[in-house]
Amino acid sequence: MDSTLTASHCASADRRRGPDRDRPSGAVEAHLGIDFYLSEMAVSAFHGGGITLERVLGPDLEDIRRFVHVSEFGQHLPAFERLRSRCVESPLWSESAAARRWLGWKGSRWVSRQPGILRQHGRRSVRLLLRQEPAASGGRRFRGLVCPQGAASLHTLEHLKARADVRYITWIMDDHLVRRRGDRWHYDSSVRDVMRRHLTGAHTVFVISRALAQFYGEEFGVQAQVLFGPADVDARGHVSPVAGPGTPLRIGYFGSVGPWQLDALIRFASAIPPGEGSLDIVTHDRVPPELTLPTVRVLGAIPHSAVSEAMRAYDAVLLPISFAEAQRHLSEFNIATKMSECLASGQVTIVCGPPYAAMVTLLAGSGAAHVETSPTPAGWRALAEKERRRE
């Protein structure tokens, strides 16, 4: 881009929230001049990716002309209200409720992955965009930020590049297309070449973690820069309370209860000895019966602006990361928005996840968090004793 977001725009010292070896970005210093944003996800207050985009882009977000959402996900968790008049909604027909009733859940997912369906959908999405931005096909350079969450955005961009002079930054927060097979990562043959063209054609490639940057370097020969979001709170000077001797420790978890968190939440909560601690789960999600445990209390969601203050009522906050092999593409490569918020809260952060998880490798040995890769009652008691000595 003429004025490019780069890793050198990472936050100044007073915004650092993690270990010095990786730092989140604060508001960017240069005006980006972005014409369009393209993704399966909306810039939304209802999920971490949208919150991260708002924090990192800052006022540049308000200058983006069009927000193109190429999945039902972008409507299910919609954009900030102030951005909705600029949104171009183009969900895959096979993701609709009607298609799921007709095809079934598995059938709908299978159809949504077919290259022919994705190419057709990409052409349709480009037509919708160019109806609102006709100058883009008239020779003017069209500058974009792409945050792919799946193949739909990759195919849409390919068709847009065939119709317009496109220059784009890509920022990959989650790679939902790669899967682990045995001891190797693997892309389906219909996806790998599209992914390679996307990464090698980008003006700048940003990724959410060092692990993902290393993988793309080895797999595609591209140099990616690490960029993840800051917290929007400064807890310096805040002294967190610690339960006294004989008082159960109170742990809080604030966030989604989905496949990437569920098994780690169950493992952690099951390791808390009765009467020695508790876990409050503050979420907008329905909590499955597996978490109906004597040590767990489920609370309703609170406004995002109230989360940081609510965290301070606890002895520690939890950052769960799935141990499941089916979620390894997220655990090994992703940095959750919640990580910066936990580290900035002023409370002790407990990370519960597998040894290979990106957030585990980032924080282990840093002194910024307590890392638990095999939660047990004995480990819980050691953690509780350590925290009480800190007081």
Foldseek 3Di string as FASTA:
>chain_A
DVDDDDPVQADDPLQAQAFPVDGARAAGDDQDQAAEEEEQAALALAFQVNVQCCGHPPPSVVVHQAYEHAACNCVVRDYDPVCVVRYDYQHQPLRDPVNCVVLNPVRSVVCVPDPVSLLVSLVVSLVSVCVVVVVQQVADEHEYEYAYPDCNRLSNVVVSVVRGNYAYEYEYQAHPQWADDDPDIDGPPSCPVSVLCVQVRHPAYEYAFPLVQVVCCVRRVHHHHHHTGADPDACPPPAADADAPQQAFEEEEEEDCDQFFPVLLLQQQVQAPPSRYAYEYEYCDDRDPSPPDPRYDYDYHDRPVCVLVVRSVGQAYEDGGDADSRCCSCQQGHDGSVVNSRSRSNHAYEYEAACNGRVNVRHVPSPSHHYHDRRHNVVVVVVSVVSNVVD
